[in-house]
Amino acid sequence: MSIALLGAPLSAARRKALVAGGHRLVPAARADLRVHVGGRPPARPPHAPWVWCSPSPITAADAAAAVLAGAYDVVTLDDQLAATLARRLGELVSRREVAAPPVGYVARSPAARRMLADLDRAARTSMAVLLTGETGTGKDLAARHLHATSGRTGELVPINCAAIPNELIEGELFGYVRGAFSGAVNDYDGQLRAAMHGTVFLDEVDDTPKTVQVKLLRVLEDHVVSRLGENDWREVDFRVVAATNRNLEELVRRGEFGGDLFQRLAIVQIVLPPLRDRQEDLPELVEHLIARFYREEPAAPHRVTRLTAAAVGALVRYPWPGNVRELRNVVFQALVNKRAGDELLLSDLPEHVVRGAPPGPRTAGGALIDRAAIERLLDDGRLNLRAARDELERTALELALARSAGSPARAARLLGEVGRGASSDPGGTVRAMLRRHGLL
């Protein structure tokens, strides 16, 4: 194991002790561990693993500052230095061990490999895991990987909390007995019981109604569930994985999400990195998506087998606000429009990707409202305000639903204040609007 000594020089005796302990002293570029020796942390911390070694006692504030600057540990210069560094090197080696990625997941970049290592460590326990990250970063795939590597014998039961209407979600989760409410013609054990000895995946958990959050907390704390319409409690055994693309801590501060439930779900928090932090993965991701496209579309008239350097450069430069999901759409669109040749060219990519900037949002004072057109209609006496409003509302609803995979609750977020309203059911207003326009 190799060490680079930075900062103040060590005495000849201590250098000899390090070598006798099995360490090789090498330049920083070739070292497994960098050791900064000095009374203060380095002004420019190394980007690689490093330890601060101080000849004097280290205050709590200085230790915290060093760790926040990236130090793996802070140690005092003493006779146990060689043994301490040997332990830290061994720990760093084990931290670099990463489990095999899930099928279809590309993980060459450091950010993706760190995330997979976090998933692998969490999978070995039964602790609740909260997956956070932007839309399109692969939280569903991460949850499936957690379950597959956990050793649990039951099923993975995915539950999209935003897709189930508030008036139905309690019965869907906890079950019900016959006659518990109008329409309950049979007993139903619920999805939580279906995950016995398995994993429950609560996707978009931020859309869980407050009344259901209270009962869900009881289930997670006591491992028992009671169906609607009965007083019997039955034991359950499942591991819970929750996911959200919103800041739950901020929702807790605003009173929109229960603090107790957040603490119960967030025992282990894993952040999925956005695609812009995984540039090394892009070429292989595109190759994977191309292969997937032709598996799903075997009758496609032309087959692309490689990317040009210019196309790769544009894909790397683009910021990917929609992450891997947006990348999939861009690649699939380019392949659908491909008419000849076996290379994906720069000219095959959408214009906004070539420009390197996502399409700009339309504003109320811009393309969304054409004041000159309204003035002409007023002058001609042809303005029908109700019809124009209905057309705008219908178009916005259709576009929001298309971008939210048909989920009224997710569409409500895209539609802003009018969409969410003051209702406890985030999608309730949207469903009412859909019914009014005959879209539901």
Protein backbone atom coordinates (compact mmCIF):
# COMPACT_ATOMS: atom_id res chain seq x y z
CA MET A 1 0.00 0.00 0.00
CA SER A 2 1.39 3.38 -1.02
CA ILE A 3 1.31 6.69 0.82
CA ALA A 4 2.21 10.22 -0.25
CA LEU A 5 3.41 12.56 2.49
CA LEU A 6 2.33 16.16 1.94
CA GLY A 7 2.96 19.31 3.97
CA ALA A 8 5.58 19.29 6.73
CA PRO A 9 8.23 16.55 6.51
CA LEU A 10 8.17 13.62 8.93
CA SER A 11 11.19 12.72 11.01
CA ALA A 12 13.45 10.00 9.65
CA ALA A 13 12.36 7.68 12.48
CA ARG A 14 8.67 8.00 11.63
CA ARG A 15 9.32 7.56 7.91
CA LYS A 16 11.27 4.40 8.76
CA ALA A 17 8.36 3.18 10.92
CA LEU A 18 5.93 3.65 8.03
CA VAL A 19 8.14 1.65 5.68
CA ALA A 20 8.61 -1.05 8.31
CA GLY A 21 4.82 -1.22 8.60
CA GLY A 22 4.53 -2.25 4.96
CA HIS A 23 3.90 1.15 3.37
CA ARG A 24 5.64 2.49 0.26
CA LEU A 25 6.31 6.24 0.20
CA VAL A 26 5.58 7.47 -3.34
CA PRO A 27 4.72 10.74 -5.14
CA ALA A 28 1.15 11.98 -4.72
CA ALA A 29 0.04 11.03 -8.24
CA ARG A 30 0.75 7.34 -7.59
CA ALA A 31 -0.40 7.05 -3.97
CA ASP A 32 -3.38 5.12 -2.59
CA LEU A 33 -3.61 7.63 0.27
CA ARG A 34 -2.38 11.20 0.71
CA VAL A 35 -1.32 12.20 4.24
CA HIS A 36 -1.17 15.93 4.94
CA VAL A 37 1.18 16.60 7.85
CA GLY A 38 0.84 19.94 9.60
CA GLY A 39 -0.82 22.00 12.29
CA ARG A 40 -3.59 23.12 9.89
CA PRO A 41 -5.54 21.34 7.12
CA PRO A 42 -4.28 21.97 3.58
CA ALA A 43 -5.44 25.19 1.89
CA ARG A 44 -6.18 23.15 -1.25
CA PRO A 45 -7.33 19.67 -0.25
CA PRO A 46 -6.39 16.81 -2.61
CA HIS A 47 -9.14 15.45 -4.87
CA ALA A 48 -8.06 11.91 -3.98
CA PRO A 49 -8.45 10.18 -0.55
CA TRP A 50 -6.47 12.00 2.15
CA VAL A 51 -5.94 12.13 5.90
CA TRP A 52 -4.92 15.11 8.00
CA CYS A 53 -2.12 14.24 10.42
CA SER A 54 -1.53 16.95 13.02
CA PRO A 55 1.45 17.08 15.43
CA SER A 56 -0.76 18.86 18.00
CA PRO A 57 -4.21 18.09 19.46
CA ILE A 58 -7.03 18.72 16.97
CA THR A 59 -10.03 20.80 18.00
CA ALA A 60 -13.54 19.63 17.15
CA ALA A 61 -14.04 22.64 14.87
CA ASP A 62 -10.84 21.95 12.91
CA ALA A 63 -11.69 18.25 12.61
CA ALA A 64 -15.15 19.09 11.25
CA ALA A 65 -13.69 21.59 8.78
CA ALA A 66 -11.20 19.01 7.49
CA VAL A 67 -13.87 16.33 7.01
CA LEU A 68 -16.16 18.79 5.26
CA ALA A 69 -13.21 19.60 2.97
CA GLY A 70 -13.00 15.92 2.00
CA ALA A 71 -10.68 14.35 4.58
CA TYR A 72 -11.35 10.67 5.24
CA ASP A 73 -10.02 11.01 8.80
CA VAL A 74 -8.05 13.28 11.13
CA VAL A 75 -5.29 11.75 13.27
CA THR A 76 -2.67 12.92 15.72
CA LEU A 77 0.98 12.33 14.95
CA ASP A 78 2.04 9.62 17.43
CA ASP A 79 3.71 6.21 17.62
CA GLN A 80 0.57 4.47 16.32
CA LEU A 81 0.63 6.40 13.02
CA ALA A 82 1.72 3.43 10.87
CA ALA A 83 -0.97 1.13 12.29
CA THR A 84 -3.65 3.83 11.98
CA LEU A 85 -2.81 4.53 8.34
CA ALA A 86 -2.82 0.79 7.57
CA ARG A 87 -6.38 0.54 8.93
CA ARG A 88 -7.54 3.57 6.95
CA LEU A 89 -6.05 2.21 3.73
CA GLY A 90 -7.80 -1.12 4.23
CA GLU A 91 -11.10 0.65 4.82
CA LEU A 92 -10.71 2.74 1.67
CA VAL A 93 -10.02 -0.35 -0.41
CA SER A 94 -13.20 -2.03 0.87
CA ARG A 95 -15.21 1.15 0.20
CA ARG A 96 -14.17 0.98 -3.47
CA GLU A 97 -15.70 -2.48 -3.91
CA VAL A 98 -18.90 -2.06 -5.94
CA ALA A 99 -21.55 -4.68 -6.59
CA ALA A 100 -22.49 -5.58 -10.14
CA PRO A 101 -24.82 -2.90 -11.54
CA PRO A 102 -28.43 -3.78 -12.28
CA VAL A 103 -29.25 -4.94 -15.78
CA GLY A 104 -29.42 -1.95 -18.09
CA TYR A 105 -27.60 0.39 -15.71
CA VAL A 106 -24.35 2.00 -16.86
CA ALA A 107 -21.94 2.91 -14.06
CA ARG A 108 -18.51 3.95 -15.29
CA SER A 109 -18.57 7.41 -13.73
CA PRO A 110 -17.45 7.94 -10.11
CA ALA A 111 -20.86 9.42 -9.21
CA ALA A 112 -22.75 6.37 -10.47
CA ARG A 113 -20.32 3.95 -8.85
CA ARG A 114 -20.62 5.71 -5.48
CA MET A 115 -24.39 5.51 -5.72
CA LEU A 116 -24.26 1.77 -6.52
CA ALA A 117 -21.94 1.22 -3.56
CA ASP A 118 -24.45 3.01 -1.32
CA LEU A 119 -27.25 0.81 -2.67
CA ASP A 120 -25.18 -2.34 -2.10
CA ARG A 121 -24.45 -1.43 1.54
CA ALA A 122 -28.09 -0.55 2.20
CA ALA A 123 -29.32 -3.79 0.61
CA ARG A 124 -27.50 -5.86 3.23
CA THR A 125 -29.75 -4.43 5.95
CA SER A 126 -33.50 -4.19 6.52
CA MET A 127 -33.38 -0.42 7.10
CA ALA A 128 -35.81 1.89 5.30
CA VAL A 129 -34.24 3.68 2.33
CA LEU A 130 -35.25 7.06 0.90
CA LEU A 131 -34.19 7.55 -2.73
CA THR A 132 -33.98 11.18 -3.80
CA GLY A 133 -32.97 12.80 -7.04
CA GLU A 134 -34.26 14.68 -10.03
CA THR A 135 -36.94 13.32 -12.32
CA GLY A 136 -35.59 10.70 -14.70
CA THR A 137 -32.54 9.62 -12.69
CA GLY A 138 -33.69 6.00 -12.33
CA LYS A 139 -35.20 5.73 -8.85
CA ASP A 140 -37.43 2.84 -9.94
CA LEU A 141 -34.39 0.93 -11.24
CA ALA A 142 -32.51 1.64 -8.00
CA ALA A 143 -35.42 0.31 -5.91
CA ARG A 144 -35.54 -2.88 -7.98
CA HIS A 145 -31.79 -3.31 -7.53
CA LEU A 146 -32.13 -2.85 -3.76
CA HIS A 147 -34.77 -5.56 -3.61
CA ALA A 148 -32.95 -7.96 -5.95
CA THR A 149 -29.75 -7.81 -3.88
CA SER A 150 -31.43 -7.80 -0.45
CA GLY A 151 -32.02 -11.56 -0.21
CA ARG A 152 -35.67 -11.05 0.73
CA THR A 153 -37.87 -13.93 -0.43
CA GLY A 154 -41.09 -11.99 -1.05
CA GLU A 155 -42.16 -9.79 -3.94
CA LEU A 156 -41.28 -6.21 -4.77
CA VAL A 157 -44.58 -4.30 -4.67
CA PRO A 158 -44.29 -0.88 -6.37
CA ILE A 159 -46.92 1.67 -5.31
CA ASN A 160 -47.15 5.02 -7.09
CA CYS A 161 -48.67 7.25 -4.41
CA ALA A 162 -49.47 10.00 -6.92
CA ALA A 163 -51.38 7.70 -9.26
CA ILE A 164 -53.95 6.51 -6.69
CA PRO A 165 -56.81 8.93 -5.90
CA ASN A 166 -56.89 10.05 -2.27
CA GLU A 167 -60.27 8.47 -1.65
CA LEU A 168 -58.92 5.05 -2.71
CA ILE A 169 -55.34 4.99 -1.46
CA GLU A 170 -56.10 3.92 2.12
CA GLY A 171 -58.00 0.82 1.00
CA GLU A 172 -55.41 0.07 -1.69
CA LEU A 173 -52.56 0.13 0.83
CA PHE A 174 -54.11 -1.37 3.95
CA GLY A 175 -56.91 -3.47 2.48
CA TYR A 176 -60.57 -3.66 3.48
CA VAL A 177 -63.29 -6.12 4.44
CA ARG A 178 -66.51 -6.69 2.58
CA GLY A 179 -68.99 -3.91 3.27
CA ALA A 180 -66.39 -1.47 4.64
CA PHE A 181 -67.60 1.12 2.11
CA SER A 182 -69.76 1.33 -0.97
CA GLY A 183 -68.25 -0.90 -3.62
CA ALA A 184 -66.33 -3.17 -1.21
CA VAL A 185 -68.00 -6.39 -2.35
CA ASN A 186 -65.10 -8.68 -1.35
CA ASP A 187 -62.36 -8.82 1.25
CA TYR A 188 -59.04 -7.34 0.07
CA ASP A 189 -55.75 -7.71 1.94
CA GLY A 190 -54.06 -4.63 0.40
CA GLN A 191 -50.72 -4.06 -1.22
CA LEU A 192 -48.77 -3.89 2.04
CA ARG A 193 -49.77 -7.47 2.85
CA ALA A 194 -48.89 -8.50 -0.70
CA ALA A 195 -45.29 -7.49 0.06
CA MET A 196 -44.94 -9.99 2.92
CA HIS A 197 -41.22 -10.90 3.30
CA GLY A 198 -40.51 -8.62 0.35
CA THR A 199 -40.14 -4.90 -0.37
CA VAL A 200 -42.68 -2.09 -0.63
CA PHE A 201 -41.62 0.67 -3.02
CA LEU A 202 -43.48 3.92 -2.28
CA ASP A 203 -42.82 6.00 -5.38
CA GLU A 204 -43.64 9.74 -5.21
CA VAL A 205 -44.22 9.33 -1.49
CA ASP A 206 -44.56 13.13 -1.15
CA ASP A 207 -48.07 12.81 -2.64
CA THR A 208 -49.32 10.59 0.21
CA PRO A 209 -52.33 12.24 1.94
CA LYS A 210 -51.77 13.34 5.54
CA THR A 211 -54.45 10.99 6.89
CA VAL A 212 -52.74 8.02 5.25
CA GLN A 213 -49.30 9.13 6.48
CA VAL A 214 -50.42 8.72 10.11
CA LYS A 215 -51.62 5.16 9.55
CA LEU A 216 -48.58 4.29 7.45
CA LEU A 217 -46.29 5.45 10.26
CA ARG A 218 -48.05 3.05 12.64
CA VAL A 219 -47.49 0.18 10.22
CA LEU A 220 -43.78 0.97 9.85
CA GLU A 221 -43.25 1.40 13.60
CA ASP A 222 -45.24 -1.59 14.88
CA HIS A 223 -45.14 -3.92 11.83
CA VAL A 224 -48.88 -4.51 11.98
CA VAL A 225 -51.69 -3.57 9.60
CA SER A 226 -55.46 -3.31 10.03
CA ARG A 227 -57.86 -3.44 7.09
CA LEU A 228 -60.60 -0.87 6.69
CA GLY A 229 -63.76 -2.02 8.42
CA GLU A 230 -62.15 -4.28 11.04
CA ASN A 231 -60.29 -3.91 14.34
CA ASP A 232 -57.93 -6.87 13.99
CA TRP A 233 -54.21 -6.19 13.59
CA ARG A 234 -52.10 -8.58 11.55
CA GLU A 235 -48.31 -8.72 11.50
CA VAL A 236 -46.42 -7.72 8.37
CA ASP A 237 -42.78 -8.13 7.42
CA PHE A 238 -41.48 -6.04 4.56
CA ARG A 239 -38.70 -3.62 3.80
CA VAL A 240 -39.79 -0.13 2.73
CA VAL A 241 -38.09 1.91 0.01
CA ALA A 242 -39.51 5.37 -0.72
CA ALA A 243 -38.68 7.76 -3.54
CA THR A 244 -39.27 11.43 -4.29
CA ASN A 245 -37.91 14.15 -6.54
CA ARG A 246 -38.90 16.86 -4.04
CA ASN A 247 -37.21 18.11 -0.88
CA LEU A 248 -39.11 16.30 1.87
CA GLU A 249 -37.39 18.29 4.61
CA GLU A 250 -38.74 21.49 3.06
CA LEU A 251 -42.21 19.92 2.83
CA VAL A 252 -41.97 19.00 6.52
CA ARG A 253 -41.08 22.61 7.40
CA ARG A 254 -44.11 23.81 5.43
CA GLY A 255 -46.39 21.30 7.14
CA GLU A 256 -47.09 19.42 3.90
CA PHE A 257 -45.45 16.16 5.00
CA GLY A 258 -45.30 14.50 8.40
CA GLY A 259 -42.01 14.91 10.23
CA ASP A 260 -42.34 11.58 12.06
CA LEU A 261 -42.95 9.69 8.83
CA PHE A 262 -40.00 11.45 7.16
CA GLN A 263 -37.69 10.37 9.98
CA ARG A 264 -38.95 6.79 9.67
CA LEU A 265 -38.49 6.67 5.89
CA ALA A 266 -35.14 8.46 5.77
CA ILE A 267 -33.05 6.15 7.96
CA VAL A 268 -30.81 5.69 4.91
CA GLN A 269 -30.86 8.43 2.27
CA ILE A 270 -29.35 7.81 -1.15
CA VAL A 271 -29.14 10.58 -3.73
CA LEU A 272 -29.23 9.49 -7.36
CA PRO A 273 -26.84 11.65 -9.40
CA PRO A 274 -28.19 13.66 -12.34
CA LEU A 275 -26.97 12.76 -15.81
CA ARG A 276 -24.90 15.96 -16.08
CA ASP A 277 -22.68 14.55 -13.28
CA ARG A 278 -22.22 11.26 -15.17
CA GLN A 279 -20.65 12.40 -18.45
CA GLU A 280 -18.40 9.34 -18.61
CA ASP A 281 -21.53 7.18 -18.84
CA LEU A 282 -23.09 8.99 -21.80
CA PRO A 283 -21.54 7.11 -24.77
CA GLU A 284 -22.30 3.69 -23.28
CA LEU A 285 -25.78 4.82 -22.22
CA VAL A 286 -26.53 5.87 -25.79
CA GLU A 287 -25.26 2.53 -27.12
CA HIS A 288 -27.48 0.73 -24.62
CA LEU A 289 -30.51 2.82 -25.66
CA ILE A 290 -29.84 2.17 -29.35
CA ALA A 291 -29.74 -1.58 -28.71
CA ARG A 292 -32.94 -1.32 -26.67
CA PHE A 293 -34.69 0.60 -29.45
CA TYR A 294 -34.00 -2.11 -32.01
CA ARG A 295 -35.08 -4.83 -29.58
CA GLU A 296 -38.40 -3.05 -29.20
CA GLU A 297 -38.63 -2.09 -32.89
CA PRO A 298 -37.22 -5.05 -34.85
CA ALA A 299 -38.93 -3.86 -38.05
CA ALA A 300 -37.13 -0.49 -38.08
CA PRO A 301 -35.92 0.10 -41.66
CA HIS A 302 -32.41 1.32 -40.80
CA ARG A 303 -30.00 0.25 -38.08
CA VAL A 304 -27.56 2.63 -36.42
CA THR A 305 -24.48 0.89 -35.09
CA ARG A 306 -22.27 3.77 -33.94
CA LEU A 307 -22.12 7.47 -33.09
CA THR A 308 -19.96 10.12 -34.70
CA ALA A 309 -17.58 12.13 -32.53
CA ALA A 310 -19.58 15.31 -33.21
CA ALA A 311 -22.80 13.66 -31.98
CA VAL A 312 -21.08 12.40 -28.82
CA GLY A 313 -19.69 15.89 -28.18
CA ALA A 314 -23.14 17.48 -28.42
CA LEU A 315 -24.66 14.88 -26.09
CA VAL A 316 -21.91 15.48 -23.51
CA ARG A 317 -22.32 19.29 -23.68
CA TYR A 318 -26.10 19.24 -23.23
CA PRO A 319 -27.19 19.67 -19.54
CA TRP A 320 -29.99 17.02 -19.61
CA PRO A 321 -32.57 18.55 -17.25
CA GLY A 322 -34.75 15.46 -17.82
CA ASN A 323 -31.81 13.11 -17.14
CA VAL A 324 -31.78 9.55 -18.51
CA ARG A 325 -35.48 9.68 -19.40
CA GLU A 326 -34.85 12.72 -21.61
CA LEU A 327 -31.80 11.03 -23.14
CA ARG A 328 -33.96 8.02 -24.02
CA ASN A 329 -36.51 10.25 -25.74
CA VAL A 330 -33.82 12.11 -27.71
CA VAL A 331 -32.14 8.89 -28.88
CA PHE A 332 -35.44 7.20 -29.79
CA GLN A 333 -36.62 10.29 -31.68
CA ALA A 334 -33.37 10.40 -33.67
CA LEU A 335 -33.66 6.71 -34.54
CA VAL A 336 -37.32 7.02 -35.58
CA ASN A 337 -36.39 9.85 -37.96
CA LYS A 338 -33.27 8.12 -39.30
CA ARG A 339 -33.70 7.35 -42.99
CA ALA A 340 -30.28 6.15 -44.11
CA GLY A 341 -26.82 5.26 -42.85
CA ASP A 342 -25.52 3.34 -39.87
CA GLU A 343 -24.07 6.31 -37.94
CA LEU A 344 -25.90 8.67 -35.61
CA LEU A 345 -24.90 12.12 -36.88
CA LEU A 346 -24.97 15.51 -35.21
CA SER A 347 -27.70 16.50 -37.70
CA ASP A 348 -29.87 13.60 -36.49
CA LEU A 349 -30.17 15.13 -33.02
CA PRO A 350 -32.93 17.61 -32.05
CA GLU A 351 -32.08 21.25 -32.56
CA HIS A 352 -32.07 22.15 -28.85
CA VAL A 353 -29.53 19.38 -28.14
CA VAL A 354 -27.27 20.66 -30.92
CA ARG A 355 -27.56 24.18 -29.50
CA GLY A 356 -26.68 22.83 -26.06
CA ALA A 357 -29.61 24.51 -24.29
CA PRO A 358 -33.05 23.17 -23.34
CA PRO A 359 -36.06 24.90 -24.98
CA GLY A 360 -36.86 28.07 -23.05
CA PRO A 361 -40.08 28.16 -21.03
CA ARG A 362 -43.00 30.11 -22.41
CA THR A 363 -44.20 32.94 -20.21
CA ALA A 364 -47.53 34.62 -19.74
CA GLY A 365 -46.19 37.75 -21.39
CA GLY A 366 -44.63 35.87 -24.31
CA ALA A 367 -45.74 33.12 -26.63
CA LEU A 368 -48.58 31.95 -24.38
CA ILE A 369 -50.59 35.16 -24.78
CA ASP A 370 -50.58 37.11 -28.06
CA ARG A 371 -51.82 40.56 -27.10
CA ALA A 372 -51.90 41.75 -30.72
CA ALA A 373 -54.13 38.82 -31.69
CA ILE A 374 -56.50 39.59 -28.80
CA GLU A 375 -56.68 43.24 -29.88
CA ARG A 376 -57.58 42.20 -33.44
CA LEU A 377 -60.34 39.91 -32.18
CA LEU A 378 -61.69 42.70 -29.97
CA ASP A 379 -61.66 45.17 -32.87
CA ASP A 380 -63.52 42.68 -35.07
CA GLY A 381 -65.98 41.74 -32.33
CA ARG A 382 -64.99 38.08 -32.63
CA LEU A 383 -63.51 37.41 -29.18
CA ASN A 384 -65.16 34.58 -27.25
CA LEU A 385 -63.39 34.72 -23.90
CA ARG A 386 -64.97 31.56 -22.48
CA ALA A 387 -64.06 29.50 -25.56
CA ALA A 388 -60.50 30.87 -25.54
CA ARG A 389 -60.12 30.10 -21.85
CA ASP A 390 -61.47 26.57 -22.33
CA GLU A 391 -59.12 25.96 -25.23
CA LEU A 392 -56.12 27.14 -23.19
CA GLU A 393 -57.18 25.00 -20.22
CA ARG A 394 -57.76 21.89 -22.35
CA THR A 395 -54.41 22.28 -24.13
CA ALA A 396 -52.52 22.80 -20.87
CA LEU A 397 -54.22 19.74 -19.33
CA GLU A 398 -53.40 17.52 -22.30
CA LEU A 399 -49.74 18.60 -22.36
CA ALA A 400 -49.32 18.26 -18.57
CA LEU A 401 -50.85 14.76 -18.61
CA ALA A 402 -48.63 13.72 -21.51
CA ARG A 403 -45.55 14.82 -19.56
CA SER A 404 -46.68 13.12 -16.34
CA ALA A 405 -47.54 9.70 -17.79
CA GLY A 406 -51.26 10.33 -17.17
CA SER A 407 -50.94 11.06 -13.44
CA PRO A 408 -53.31 13.88 -12.36
CA ALA A 409 -51.25 14.54 -9.21
CA ARG A 410 -48.02 14.96 -11.17
CA ALA A 411 -49.82 17.03 -13.80
CA ALA A 412 -51.06 19.31 -11.00
CA ARG A 413 -47.46 20.21 -10.13
CA LEU A 414 -46.76 21.19 -13.73
CA LEU A 415 -49.88 23.36 -13.89
CA GLY A 416 -48.90 25.44 -10.88
CA GLU A 417 -51.22 27.18 -8.44
CA VAL A 418 -54.51 26.52 -10.24
CA GLY A 419 -53.65 22.87 -10.73
CA ARG A 420 -52.84 22.12 -7.08
CA GLY A 421 -55.28 24.59 -5.54
CA ALA A 422 -55.87 24.34 -1.79
CA SER A 423 -57.18 20.78 -1.92
CA SER A 424 -55.60 18.07 0.24
CA ASP A 425 -55.74 15.92 -2.88
CA PRO A 426 -53.06 17.32 -5.24
CA GLY A 427 -54.73 15.81 -8.31
CA GLY A 428 -58.34 16.49 -7.29
CA THR A 429 -58.58 19.84 -9.06
CA VAL A 430 -57.03 18.40 -12.19
CA ARG A 431 -59.47 15.47 -12.22
CA ALA A 432 -62.37 17.92 -11.89
CA MET A 433 -61.01 19.95 -14.81
CA LEU A 434 -60.61 16.80 -16.88
CA ARG A 435 -64.21 15.81 -16.23
CA ARG A 436 -65.42 19.29 -17.17
CA HIS A 437 -63.64 19.04 -20.53
CA GLY A 438 -64.71 15.45 -21.17
CA LEU A 439 -61.14 14.17 -20.91
CA LEU A 440 -61.79 11.75 -18.04
